[in-house]
Amino acid sequence: MTEGYTKISNLMGCQDTCAIYRRFRRLNSLNLLYLQAELTHLEEELEILAKRDAADPERQFHARDWWSLAHNNDEGDEGYDEEAAEQWEKVLEVREKLEQYNDTLLKQAKIARLGAPAPQDVNFLREWWRRPRMGYFPLVGADRHSYSEEYDRDLVAVKARSAPDLFTRWFNDGLVSRWHGYFGRKVKDQTELGIGHGIYEYSDAWLAGAARIIATVVASLLPTCSVVLQYFIRDDLVKLYLIVLASAVFALALAAMTNARMVEVFAATSAYAAVNVVFLTNTVVEIAG
């Protein structure tokens, strides 16, 4: 029976989307600020040394000749000038600290680009953490609170669950959870991954396919529904209101169910409205005739 960190790593190893950790935003920012402060002081010290050497007749070429700046006699050798070596030693110190600063800054930028975990994955991890037949509070140290609500904005997922559009996100986060609560757990078998009891797994491919089917059905119904409704409505003013409403619903569906750009939404909505207007015009002509 595994316990503690091993139990948590088993879960995260089986479920990539549960590999959730803290970003430590505050500590990373604090570390960068300290490195920045160190470099600022080193920069000032280097400028002071450079000005001092520029005013010395024997070291005035340091600003224009790297060789004379960097190649002084070693300490202990005859003719060794400690002051003459100070500027190059400071340059080397700055170089080392600057490399550390740049490396830390780039790593922090990469961490910042990592996606936040999906709400359902965070909720699952917390449920697993406290349920007796699952994690059941596997840690007892200070890090036992790492996944509490106060750190919601500080969490990062190694493999963040991504949804191509708002509808897919709502489908995965809301509809599937409700469906599982009412029906899914009654007909679906529990997963056997050795990470706890009462865990059910739904394939991402299956969820994406189901969402795509629903979106396809909606896409086929929207254009025809407005036309059918116009057929049964005799009042032209009501038909115009219907076209306005149907166009708004169509644009909303495009924005929610696709990742179309704004210009594409405008173009598709205009074409949709034009089709409805043509149908309305033909209907009026036929009635008049």
Foldseek 3Di string as FASTA:
>chain_A
DDFAPVLQVLVCVVPQLLQKAFQPVVVLVVVLVVLVVVLVVLVVVLVVLLVVLCPDPVRVCVVPDVCQQPDADDPPDPPGDPSSPVNVVSVVVSVVSVVVSVVSVVVSVVQVPADAAQPVSLVVVVVQCCDPFARNQRDDDPCSCRSPPVRRVRMGGPDHDDDQFQQLSCCVPPVVVVCCVVPVVVPFDADDSPRGPPHHDDDPVVSVVVLVVVLVVCVVCLLVVLLVVLVPDDDLVVNVVSLVVSLVVQLVSCRGSHNDDPVVSVVVSVVSSVVSVVSSVVVVVVVVD
